[in-house]
C-alpha atoms as a PDB file:
ATOM      1  CA  MET A   1     150.718-180.717 126.516  1.00  0.00           C
ATOM      2  CA  THR A   2     149.711-177.444 124.877  1.00  0.00           C
ATOM      3  CA  ASN A   3     150.048-174.497 127.258  1.00  0.00           C
ATOM      4  CA  HIS A   4     147.762-172.026 125.486  1.00  0.00           C
ATOM      5  CA  ASP A   5     144.626-172.217 123.410  1.00  0.00           C
ATOM      6  CA  VAL A   6     145.241-168.889 121.668  1.00  0.00           C
ATOM      7  CA  PHE A   7     148.247-166.686 120.859  1.00  0.00           C
ATOM      8  CA  LEU A   8     147.498-163.017 120.112  1.00  0.00           C
ATOM      9  CA  SER A   9     149.777-161.294 117.588  1.00  0.00           C
ATOM     10  CA  PHE A  10     149.344-157.508 117.458  1.00  0.00           C
ATOM     11  CA  ARG A  11     151.221-154.221 117.239  1.00  0.00           C
ATOM     12  CA  GLY A  12     151.158-152.859 120.758  1.00  0.00           C
ATOM     13  CA  GLU A  13     151.115-149.165 119.937  1.00  0.00           C
ATOM     14  CA  ASP A  14     148.022-149.632 117.755  1.00  0.00           C
ATOM     15  CA  THR A  15     145.698-151.895 119.725  1.00  0.00           C
ATOM     16  CA  ARG A  16     147.212-152.973 123.063  1.00  0.00           C
ATOM     17  CA  ASN A  17     145.095-150.710 125.254  1.00  0.00           C
ATOM     18  CA  ASN A  18     141.869-150.907 123.282  1.00  0.00           C
ATOM     19  CA  PHE A  19     140.780-153.708 120.929  1.00  0.00           C
ATOM     20  CA  THR A  20     143.412-156.297 121.899  1.00  0.00           C
ATOM     21  CA  ILE A  21     142.850-155.991 125.645  1.00  0.00           C
ATOM     22  CA  HIS A  22     139.074-156.240 125.136  1.00  0.00           C
ATOM     23  CA  LEU A  23     139.470-159.365 122.984  1.00  0.00           C
ATOM     24  CA  TYR A  24     141.920-160.862 125.475  1.00  0.00           C
ATOM     25  CA  HIS A  25     139.525-160.431 128.428  1.00  0.00           C
ATOM     26  CA  ALA A  26     136.590-161.811 126.415  1.00  0.00           C
ATOM     27  CA  LEU A  27     138.581-164.950 125.585  1.00  0.00           C
ATOM     28  CA  ILE A  28     139.747-165.395 129.188  1.00  0.00           C
ATOM     29  CA  GLN A  29     136.207-164.942 130.523  1.00  0.00           C
ATOM     30  CA  ASN A  30     135.066-167.756 128.229  1.00  0.00           C
ATOM     31  CA  GLY A  31     137.660-170.136 129.647  1.00  0.00           C
ATOM     32  CA  ILE A  32     140.005-169.845 126.660  1.00  0.00           C
ATOM     33  CA  ASN A  33     143.639-169.839 127.803  1.00  0.00           C
ATOM     34  CA  THR A  34     145.147-166.923 125.869  1.00  0.00           C
ATOM     35  CA  TYR A  35     148.724-165.656 125.555  1.00  0.00           C
ATOM     36  CA  LYS A  36     149.252-161.903 125.201  1.00  0.00           C
ATOM     37  CA  ASP A  37     152.745-160.407 125.182  1.00  0.00           C
ATOM     38  CA  ASP A  38     152.713-157.803 127.955  1.00  0.00           C
ATOM     39  CA  LYS A  39     155.977-156.066 127.074  1.00  0.00           C
ATOM     40  CA  GLU A  40     155.254-152.469 126.086  1.00  0.00           C
ATOM     41  CA  LEU A  41     158.608-151.965 124.362  1.00  0.00           C
ATOM     42  CA  ARG A  42     160.646-154.616 122.618  1.00  0.00           C
ATOM     43  CA  LYS A  43     164.375-154.341 122.085  1.00  0.00           C
ATOM     44  CA  GLY A  44     166.171-155.968 119.181  1.00  0.00           C
ATOM     45  CA  GLU A  45     164.887-157.254 115.887  1.00  0.00           C
ATOM     46  CA  LYS A  46     164.342-160.946 116.663  1.00  0.00           C
ATOM     47  CA  ILE A  47     161.446-162.386 118.617  1.00  0.00           C
ATOM     48  CA  SER A  48     162.486-163.871 121.948  1.00  0.00           C
ATOM     49  CA  PRO A  49     162.782-167.634 122.541  1.00  0.00           C
ATOM     50  CA  ALA A  50     159.978-167.374 125.122  1.00  0.00           C
ATOM     51  CA  LEU A  51     157.634-165.791 122.582  1.00  0.00           C
ATOM     52  CA  SER A  52     158.597-168.329 119.936  1.00  0.00           C
ATOM     53  CA  LYS A  53     157.819-171.118 122.422  1.00  0.00           C
ATOM     54  CA  ALA A  54     154.447-169.546 123.257  1.00  0.00           C
ATOM     55  CA  ILE A  55     153.515-169.603 119.570  1.00  0.00           C
ATOM     56  CA  GLU A  56     154.589-173.245 119.228  1.00  0.00           C
ATOM     57  CA  GLU A  57     152.549-174.269 122.265  1.00  0.00           C
ATOM     58  CA  SER A  58     149.317-172.541 121.208  1.00  0.00           C
ATOM     59  CA  LYS A  59     146.532-174.221 119.267  1.00  0.00           C
ATOM     60  CA  ILE A  60     145.315-171.097 117.454  1.00  0.00           C
ATOM     61  CA  SER A  61     146.985-167.801 116.567  1.00  0.00           C
ATOM     62  CA  ILE A  62     144.949-164.628 116.052  1.00  0.00           C
ATOM     63  CA  VAL A  63     146.782-162.032 113.962  1.00  0.00           C
ATOM     64  CA  ILE A  64     145.376-158.517 114.458  1.00  0.00           C
ATOM     65  CA  PHE A  65     146.223-156.454 111.386  1.00  0.00           C
ATOM     66  CA  SER A  66     146.184-152.776 112.357  1.00  0.00           C
ATOM     67  CA  GLU A  67     147.227-149.829 110.197  1.00  0.00           C
ATOM     68  CA  ASP A  68     150.883-149.828 111.298  1.00  0.00           C
ATOM     69  CA  TYR A  69     151.277-153.594 111.797  1.00  0.00           C
ATOM     70  CA  ALA A  70     153.824-153.929 108.974  1.00  0.00           C
ATOM     71  CA  SER A  71     156.060-151.215 110.403  1.00  0.00           C
ATOM     72  CA  SER A  72     157.047-153.628 113.183  1.00  0.00           C
ATOM     73  CA  THR A  73     159.676-156.169 112.133  1.00  0.00           C
ATOM     74  CA  TRP A  74     158.902-157.947 115.405  1.00  0.00           C
ATOM     75  CA  CYS A  75     155.289-158.478 114.280  1.00  0.00           C
ATOM     76  CA  LEU A  76     156.435-159.650 110.834  1.00  0.00           C
ATOM     77  CA  ASP A  77     158.830-162.177 112.377  1.00  0.00           C
ATOM     78  CA  GLU A  78     156.021-163.349 114.670  1.00  0.00           C
ATOM     79  CA  LEU A  79     153.905-163.911 111.582  1.00  0.00           C
ATOM     80  CA  LEU A  80     156.652-166.022 109.980  1.00  0.00           C
ATOM     81  CA  LYS A  81     156.787-168.184 113.114  1.00  0.00           C
ATOM     82  CA  ILE A  82     152.985-168.483 113.220  1.00  0.00           C
ATOM     83  CA  LEU A  83     152.825-169.683 109.612  1.00  0.00           C
ATOM     84  CA  GLU A  84     155.688-172.095 110.244  1.00  0.00           C
ATOM     85  CA  CYS A  85     153.659-173.658 113.092  1.00  0.00           C
ATOM     86  CA  LYS A  86     150.566-173.701 110.896  1.00  0.00           C
ATOM     87  CA  GLU A  87     152.492-175.840 108.422  1.00  0.00           C
ATOM     88  CA  SER A  88     154.398-178.075 110.851  1.00  0.00           C
ATOM     89  CA  LYS A  89     151.820-178.440 113.641  1.00  0.00           C
ATOM     90  CA  GLN A  90     148.562-177.859 111.729  1.00  0.00           C
ATOM     91  CA  GLN A  91     147.749-174.910 113.974  1.00  0.00           C
ATOM     92  CA  LYS A  92     144.800-172.710 113.021  1.00  0.00           C
ATOM     93  CA  VAL A  93     145.438-169.069 112.118  1.00  0.00           C
ATOM     94  CA  LEU A  94     142.690-166.442 112.246  1.00  0.00           C
ATOM     95  CA  ALA A  95     143.149-162.972 110.749  1.00  0.00           C
ATOM     96  CA  VAL A  96     141.449-159.886 112.213  1.00  0.00           C
ATOM     97  CA  TYR A  97     141.369-156.750 110.048  1.00  0.00           C
ATOM     98  CA  TYR A  98     141.158-153.700 112.286  1.00  0.00           C
ATOM     99  CA  TYR A  99     139.143-150.767 110.931  1.00  0.00           C
ATOM    100  CA  LYS A 100     140.868-149.274 107.841  1.00  0.00           C
ATOM    101  CA  VAL A 101     142.849-152.414 107.027  1.00  0.00           C
ATOM    102  CA  GLU A 102     141.344-154.561 104.261  1.00  0.00           C
ATOM    103  CA  PRO A 103     142.423-158.092 103.204  1.00  0.00           C
ATOM    104  CA  SER A 104     143.481-156.617  99.828  1.00  0.00           C
ATOM    105  CA  THR A 105     145.712-154.125 101.677  1.00  0.00           C
ATOM    106  CA  ILE A 106     147.519-157.039 103.288  1.00  0.00           C
ATOM    107  CA  ARG A 107     147.649-159.203 100.183  1.00  0.00           C
ATOM    108  CA  HIS A 108     149.162-156.528  97.932  1.00  0.00           C
ATOM    109  CA  GLN A 109     150.946-154.469 100.633  1.00  0.00           C
ATOM    110  CA  LYS A 110     149.198-151.203  99.807  1.00  0.00           C
ATOM    111  CA  GLU A 111     148.813-147.882 101.686  1.00  0.00           C
ATOM    112  CA  SER A 112     150.540-147.948 105.100  1.00  0.00           C
ATOM    113  CA  PHE A 113     151.904-151.440 104.385  1.00  0.00           C
ATOM    114  CA  GLU A 114     153.542-150.204 101.189  1.00  0.00           C
ATOM    115  CA  ALA A 115     155.164-147.326 103.075  1.00  0.00           C
ATOM    116  CA  ALA A 116     156.414-149.676 105.798  1.00  0.00           C
ATOM    117  CA  PHE A 117     158.040-152.003 103.269  1.00  0.00           C
ATOM    118  CA  ALA A 118     159.700-149.074 101.516  1.00  0.00           C
ATOM    119  CA  GLU A 119     161.539-148.473 104.806  1.00  0.00           C
ATOM    120  CA  HIS A 120     162.297-152.170 105.363  1.00  0.00           C
ATOM    121  CA  GLU A 121     163.863-152.447 101.905  1.00  0.00           C
ATOM    122  CA  LYS A 122     166.435-149.825 102.931  1.00  0.00           C
ATOM    123  CA  LYS A 123     167.521-151.814 105.998  1.00  0.00           C
ATOM    124  CA  PHE A 124     167.095-155.526 105.202  1.00  0.00           C
ATOM    125  CA  ASP A 125     168.155-157.866 102.418  1.00  0.00           C
ATOM    126  CA  ASP A 126     165.716-158.700  99.634  1.00  0.00           C
ATOM    127  CA  ALA A 127     165.220-162.319 100.729  1.00  0.00           C
ATOM    128  CA  LYS A 128     164.034-161.353 104.225  1.00  0.00           C
ATOM    129  CA  VAL A 129     161.694-158.663 102.918  1.00  0.00           C
ATOM    130  CA  GLN A 130     160.236-161.102 100.401  1.00  0.00           C
ATOM    131  CA  ARG A 131     159.564-163.667 103.156  1.00  0.00           C
ATOM    132  CA  TRP A 132     157.578-161.053 105.053  1.00  0.00           C
ATOM    133  CA  LYS A 133     155.590-160.107 101.937  1.00  0.00           C
ATOM    134  CA  THR A 134     154.830-163.761 101.170  1.00  0.00           C
ATOM    135  CA  ALA A 135     153.681-164.323 104.756  1.00  0.00           C
ATOM    136  CA  LEU A 136     151.269-161.386 104.548  1.00  0.00           C
ATOM    137  CA  ASN A 137     149.933-162.612 101.231  1.00  0.00           C
ATOM    138  CA  GLN A 138     149.328-166.109 102.634  1.00  0.00           C
ATOM    139  CA  THR A 139     147.602-164.815 105.769  1.00  0.00           C
ATOM    140  CA  ALA A 140     145.271-162.564 103.785  1.00  0.00           C
ATOM    141  CA  GLY A 141     143.876-165.687 102.157  1.00  0.00           C
ATOM    142  CA  LEU A 142     142.895-167.296 105.462  1.00  0.00           C
ATOM    143  CA  CYS A 143     139.621-167.185 107.368  1.00  0.00           C
ATOM    144  CA  GLY A 144     139.211-163.793 109.016  1.00  0.00           C
ATOM    145  CA  PHE A 145     137.028-161.066 110.517  1.00  0.00           C
ATOM    146  CA  HIS A 146     136.911-157.408 109.462  1.00  0.00           C
ATOM    147  CA  LEU A 147     136.003-154.791 112.080  1.00  0.00           C
ATOM    148  CA  LYS A 148     134.512-151.924 110.119  1.00  0.00           C
ATOM    149  CA  ILE A 149     134.141-148.301 111.187  1.00  0.00           C
ATOM    150  CA  ASN A 150     130.987-147.765 113.284  1.00  0.00           C
ATOM    151  CA  GLU A 151     130.580-151.523 113.830  1.00  0.00           C
ATOM    152  CA  ASP A 152     129.743-152.653 117.373  1.00  0.00           C
ATOM    153  CA  GLU A 153     133.106-153.783 118.761  1.00  0.00           C
ATOM    154  CA  TYR A 154     131.538-155.867 121.544  1.00  0.00           C
ATOM    155  CA  GLU A 155     129.424-157.878 119.085  1.00  0.00           C
ATOM    156  CA  PHE A 156     132.415-158.236 116.775  1.00  0.00           C
ATOM    157  CA  ILE A 157     134.566-159.651 119.587  1.00  0.00           C
ATOM    158  CA  GLN A 158     131.795-162.086 120.556  1.00  0.00           C
ATOM    159  CA  LYS A 159     131.830-163.460 116.992  1.00  0.00           C
ATOM    160  CA  ILE A 160     135.563-164.126 117.300  1.00  0.00           C
ATOM    161  CA  VAL A 161     135.125-165.788 120.707  1.00  0.00           C
ATOM    162  CA  GLN A 162     132.386-168.008 119.265  1.00  0.00           C
ATOM    163  CA  GLU A 163     134.619-169.020 116.348  1.00  0.00           C
ATOM    164  CA  ILE A 164     137.480-169.863 118.710  1.00  0.00           C
ATOM    165  CA  SER A 165     135.180-171.789 121.071  1.00  0.00           C
ATOM    166  CA  THR A 166     133.877-174.027 118.296  1.00  0.00           C
ATOM    167  CA  SER A 167     137.435-174.586 117.068  1.00  0.00           C
ATOM    168  CA  LEU A 168     138.585-175.855 120.472  1.00  0.00           C
ATOM    169  CA  PRO A 169     136.341-178.854 121.196  1.00  0.00           C
ATOM    170  CA  ASN A 170     139.092-180.822 122.928  1.00  0.00           C
ATOM    171  CA  ARG A 171     140.730-178.218 125.103  1.00  0.00           C
ATOM    172  CA  PHE A 172     139.451-179.752 128.380  1.00  0.00           C
ATOM    173  CA  ASP A 173     141.217-182.908 129.524  1.00  0.00           C
ATOM    174  CA  LEU A 174     139.339-185.865 130.971  1.00  0.00           C
ATOM    175  CA  HIS A 175     139.779-186.533 134.668  1.00  0.00           C
ATOM    176  CA  VAL A 176     141.953-189.656 134.800  1.00  0.00           C
ATOM    177  CA  ALA A 177     142.378-190.735 138.420  1.00  0.00           C
ATOM    178  CA  GLU A 178     143.274-189.209 141.746  1.00  0.00           C
ATOM    179  CA  PHE A 179     146.336-191.449 142.133  1.00  0.00           C
ATOM    180  CA  PRO A 180     147.262-192.867 138.663  1.00  0.00           C
ATOM    181  CA  VAL A 181     149.895-195.345 139.888  1.00  0.00           C
ATOM    182  CA  GLY A 182     151.738-197.482 137.323  1.00  0.00           C
ATOM    183  CA  ILE A 183     150.015-195.939 134.318  1.00  0.00           C
ATOM    184  CA  LYS A 184     153.064-194.626 132.469  1.00  0.00           C
ATOM    185  CA  SER A 185     154.390-197.936 131.129  1.00  0.00           C
ATOM    186  CA  ARG A 186     150.903-199.056 130.014  1.00  0.00           C
ATOM    187  CA  VAL A 187     150.331-195.820 128.116  1.00  0.00           C
ATOM    188  CA  GLU A 188     153.725-196.115 126.436  1.00  0.00           C
ATOM    189  CA  ASP A 189     152.850-199.663 125.320  1.00  0.00           C
ATOM    190  CA  ILE A 190     149.630-198.446 123.724  1.00  0.00           C
ATOM    191  CA  ASN A 191     151.391-195.500 122.102  1.00  0.00           C
ATOM    192  CA  MET A 192     153.730-197.948 120.382  1.00  0.00           C
ATOM    193  CA  LEU A 193     150.762-199.981 119.132  1.00  0.00           C
ATOM    194  CA  LEU A 194     149.053-196.910 117.707  1.00  0.00           C
ATOM    195  CA  CYS A 195     152.010-195.742 115.586  1.00  0.00           C
ATOM    196  CA  ILE A 196     149.928-192.677 114.747  1.00  0.00           C
ATOM    197  CA  LYS A 197     152.493-191.171 112.392  1.00  0.00           C
ATOM    198  CA  GLU A 198     153.019-194.395 110.467  1.00  0.00           C
ATOM    199  CA  ASN A 199     149.621-196.029 110.018  1.00  0.00           C
ATOM    200  CA  ASP A 200     146.893-195.035 107.596  1.00  0.00           C
ATOM    201  CA  LYS A 201     144.157-195.849 110.138  1.00  0.00           C
ATOM    202  CA  CYS A 202     144.346-197.875 113.303  1.00  0.00           C
ATOM    203  CA  MET A 203     141.958-199.643 115.677  1.00  0.00           C
ATOM    204  CA  ILE A 204     143.110-201.235 118.915  1.00  0.00           C
ATOM    205  CA  GLY A 205     141.293-202.846 121.846  1.00  0.00           C
ATOM    206  CA  ILE A 206     142.092-202.843 125.548  1.00  0.00           C
ATOM    207  CA  PHE A 207     140.474-205.818 127.277  1.00  0.00           C
ATOM    208  CA  GLY A 208     140.582-207.605 130.622  1.00  0.00           C
ATOM    209  CA  VAL A 209     138.612-208.214 133.797  1.00  0.00           C
ATOM    210  CA  GLY A 210     136.834-205.340 135.510  1.00  0.00           C
ATOM    211  CA  GLY A 211     138.675-202.941 137.801  1.00  0.00           C
ATOM    212  CA  ILE A 212     142.214-203.311 136.414  1.00  0.00           C
ATOM    213  CA  GLY A 213     142.359-199.773 134.965  1.00  0.00           C
ATOM    214  CA  LYS A 214     141.326-200.079 131.309  1.00  0.00           C
ATOM    215  CA  THR A 215     139.294-196.865 131.363  1.00  0.00           C
ATOM    216  CA  THR A 216     142.015-195.012 133.278  1.00  0.00           C
ATOM    217  CA  ILE A 217     144.605-195.956 130.658  1.00  0.00           C
ATOM    218  CA  ALA A 218     142.252-194.986 127.812  1.00  0.00           C
ATOM    219  CA  LYS A 219     141.549-191.575 129.370  1.00  0.00           C
ATOM    220  CA  GLU A 220     145.242-190.845 129.866  1.00  0.00           C
ATOM    221  CA  MET A 221     145.989-191.868 126.287  1.00  0.00           C
ATOM    222  CA  TYR A 222     143.126-189.714 125.020  1.00  0.00           C
ATOM    223  CA  ASN A 223     144.408-186.658 126.892  1.00  0.00           C
ATOM    224  CA  ARG A 224     147.910-187.115 125.524  1.00  0.00           C
ATOM    225  CA  ILE A 225     147.099-187.430 121.832  1.00  0.00           C
ATOM    226  CA  THR A 226     143.733-185.727 121.230  1.00  0.00           C
ATOM    227  CA  ASP A 227     145.389-182.496 120.024  1.00  0.00           C
ATOM    228  CA  GLN A 228     146.848-184.388 117.062  1.00  0.00           C
ATOM    229  CA  PHE A 229     143.399-184.899 115.500  1.00  0.00           C
ATOM    230  CA  GLU A 230     140.834-182.764 113.687  1.00  0.00           C
ATOM    231  CA  GLY A 231     138.095-184.023 115.977  1.00  0.00           C
ATOM    232  CA  SER A 232     137.722-186.429 118.865  1.00  0.00           C
ATOM    233  CA  CYS A 233     135.173-188.123 121.091  1.00  0.00           C
ATOM    234  CA  PHE A 234     135.478-190.153 124.285  1.00  0.00           C
ATOM    235  CA  LEU A 235     132.250-192.175 124.502  1.00  0.00           C
ATOM    236  CA  ALA A 236     131.959-193.291 128.129  1.00  0.00           C
ATOM    237  CA  ASN A 237     129.891-196.143 129.576  1.00  0.00           C
ATOM    238  CA  VAL A 238     128.824-197.637 126.251  1.00  0.00           C
ATOM    239  CA  ARG A 239     127.413-200.784 127.872  1.00  0.00           C
ATOM    240  CA  GLU A 240     124.997-198.832 130.065  1.00  0.00           C
ATOM    241  CA  SER A 241     124.272-195.999 127.625  1.00  0.00           C
ATOM    242  CA  SER A 242     123.402-198.348 124.754  1.00  0.00           C
ATOM    243  CA  LYS A 243     120.350-199.651 126.635  1.00  0.00           C
ATOM    244  CA  GLN A 244     117.071-198.436 125.166  1.00  0.00           C
ATOM    245  CA  ASP A 245     115.956-196.727 128.368  1.00  0.00           C
ATOM    246  CA  GLN A 246     119.172-194.676 128.275  1.00  0.00           C
ATOM    247  CA  GLY A 247     118.720-193.552 124.685  1.00  0.00           C
ATOM    248  CA  GLY A 248     120.259-196.547 122.952  1.00  0.00           C
ATOM    249  CA  LEU A 249     122.798-196.640 120.129  1.00  0.00           C
ATOM    250  CA  VAL A 250     121.029-193.788 118.315  1.00  0.00           C
ATOM    251  CA  LYS A 251     121.918-191.411 121.139  1.00  0.00           C
ATOM    252  CA  LEU A 252     125.525-192.626 121.148  1.00  0.00           C
ATOM    253  CA  GLN A 253     125.800-192.120 117.371  1.00  0.00           C
ATOM    254  CA  GLN A 254     124.432-188.598 117.846  1.00  0.00           C
ATOM    255  CA  THR A 255     127.037-187.931 120.533  1.00  0.00           C
ATOM    256  CA  ILE A 256     129.890-189.071 118.283  1.00  0.00           C
ATOM    257  CA  LEU A 257     128.753-186.767 115.473  1.00  0.00           C
ATOM    258  CA  TYR A 258     128.232-183.756 117.721  1.00  0.00           C
ATOM    259  CA  ASP A 259     131.477-184.122 119.704  1.00  0.00           C
ATOM    260  CA  ILE A 260     133.538-184.353 116.512  1.00  0.00           C
ATOM    261  CA  LEU A 261     131.671-181.988 114.170  1.00  0.00           C
ATOM    262  CA  LYS A 262     130.009-179.598 116.666  1.00  0.00           C
ATOM    263  CA  ASP A 263     126.984-179.470 114.353  1.00  0.00           C
ATOM    264  CA  SER A 264     123.724-179.601 116.294  1.00  0.00           C
ATOM    265  CA  SER A 265     121.670-179.670 113.075  1.00  0.00           C
ATOM    266  CA  LEU A 266     122.619-183.303 112.391  1.00  0.00           C
ATOM    267  CA  LYS A 267     119.790-185.516 113.648  1.00  0.00           C
ATOM    268  CA  VAL A 268     119.974-189.303 113.948  1.00  0.00           C
ATOM    269  CA  SER A 269     116.492-190.784 113.550  1.00  0.00           C
ATOM    270  CA  ASN A 270     117.513-194.462 113.642  1.00  0.00           C
ATOM    271  CA  VAL A 271     120.621-196.646 113.867  1.00  0.00           C
ATOM    272  CA  ASP A 272     120.975-197.180 110.109  1.00  0.00           C
ATOM    273  CA  ARG A 273     120.732-193.436 109.488  1.00  0.00           C
ATOM    274  CA  GLY A 274     123.369-192.936 112.181  1.00  0.00           C
ATOM    275  CA  ILE A 275     125.762-195.370 110.464  1.00  0.00           C
ATOM    276  CA  ASN A 276     125.377-193.534 107.151  1.00  0.00           C
ATOM    277  CA  LEU A 277     125.905-190.127 108.755  1.00  0.00           C
ATOM    278  CA  ILE A 278     129.063-191.267 110.545  1.00  0.00           C
ATOM    279  CA  MET A 279     130.432-192.764 107.317  1.00  0.00           C
ATOM    280  CA  GLU A 280     129.531-189.753 105.169  1.00  0.00           C
ATOM    281  CA  ARG A 281     130.602-186.987 107.537  1.00  0.00           C
ATOM    282  CA  LEU A 282     133.708-188.521 109.115  1.00  0.00           C
ATOM    283  CA  CYS A 283     135.270-190.415 106.200  1.00  0.00           C
ATOM    284  CA  ARG A 284     137.530-187.470 105.338  1.00  0.00           C
ATOM    285  CA  LYS A 285     138.346-186.329 108.876  1.00  0.00           C
ATOM    286  CA  ARG A 286     141.350-187.405 110.937  1.00  0.00           C
ATOM    287  CA  ILE A 287     139.638-188.352 114.193  1.00  0.00           C
ATOM    288  CA  LEU A 288     140.228-190.001 117.556  1.00  0.00           C
ATOM    289  CA  LEU A 289     137.305-192.079 118.842  1.00  0.00           C
ATOM    290  CA  VAL A 290     137.372-193.966 122.144  1.00  0.00           C
ATOM    291  CA  LEU A 291     134.530-196.358 123.063  1.00  0.00           C
ATOM    292  CA  ASP A 292     134.668-197.138 126.767  1.00  0.00           C
ATOM    293  CA  ASP A 293     133.143-200.243 128.411  1.00  0.00           C
ATOM    294  CA  VAL A 294     131.997-202.053 125.255  1.00  0.00           C
ATOM    295  CA  ASP A 295     130.500-205.481 126.008  1.00  0.00           C
ATOM    296  CA  CYS A 296     128.802-206.394 122.729  1.00  0.00           C
ATOM    297  CA  LEU A 297     130.073-206.768 119.151  1.00  0.00           C
ATOM    298  CA  ASP A 298     126.937-205.057 117.833  1.00  0.00           C
ATOM    299  CA  GLN A 299     127.966-201.863 119.641  1.00  0.00           C
ATOM    300  CA  LEU A 300     131.219-201.786 117.678  1.00  0.00           C
ATOM    301  CA  LYS A 301     129.452-202.515 114.394  1.00  0.00           C
ATOM    302  CA  LYS A 302     126.996-199.633 114.886  1.00  0.00           C
ATOM    303  CA  LEU A 303     129.401-197.066 116.352  1.00  0.00           C
ATOM    304  CA  CYS A 304     132.724-197.522 114.580  1.00  0.00           C
ATOM    305  CA  GLY A 305     132.145-200.234 111.973  1.00  0.00           C
ATOM    306  CA  ARG A 306     135.232-200.375 109.771  1.00  0.00           C
ATOM    307  CA  CYS A 307     138.379-198.317 109.324  1.00  0.00           C
ATOM    308  CA  ASP A 308     137.063-196.869 106.047  1.00  0.00           C
ATOM    309  CA  TRP A 309     134.366-195.023 107.981  1.00  0.00           C
ATOM    310  CA  PHE A 310     137.057-192.525 109.023  1.00  0.00           C
ATOM    311  CA  GLY A 311     139.749-190.386 107.401  1.00  0.00           C
ATOM    312  CA  CYS A 312     143.458-191.091 107.047  1.00  0.00           C
ATOM    313  CA  ASP A 313     145.498-191.236 110.280  1.00  0.00           C
ATOM    314  CA  SER A 314     142.371-191.812 112.403  1.00  0.00           C
END
């Protein structure tokens, strides 16, 4: 399981005791598990195995570009690792441009970045320096926030926290059971059936008499694999919730759309409209959808229809 929601990459001498610590506390206060390297001084040129592991086990990395960021080879190596995880693990990377630093400064290595690389070129081989430059160029093209002089830092940090919060819809695991005895082998069986890395799209059903642990197994499976998807939804108690006095299938369709897209502006006025919205908005997204306690074929038809309603690897 992922240990951290967010990894903060920053140059300590520039922002540790001001912007970075304020951002860190804001994230923590909002329930976002955040990793911040607390070492004031780092020895050696390579990032430590522990730091590399922290990057790998985080869902999102925030790179804080301050004026002297590029002077730190440690920060540049961190950035290489972050982009490697972005490619291999589909992790999100968010760039923060601190005061005088502009995206164009990063992209073209100008001003203080140009001076820093002039020094690096004296000490390191061309290939390594070029990797750092390429990494900066790539990061400058990503989604980011620019803190400008005289801008309210508190409001700026709240914008970042909001962005992170909406990007982490699945960070809270479902409660499975107080004593989940004998669940491991069942979950492994289902994992083999899913073949997530091999199949284009996959639908499976878990069925049996009441009380044998179908929901428990589904919850455990959901917790284990939800991080592999762009969006996910565990729709509990479908049998009861689909009754008209509980909101019916329209409400369940609305829940699916909101849990996966986090867009409260999408309104489902009737079941047919809900089917079209699910097909249109989810057909290109790699999602995980669990329908718990289904007792009627019509529920499946209206909530998950066919495999082509959803994106590849759903």
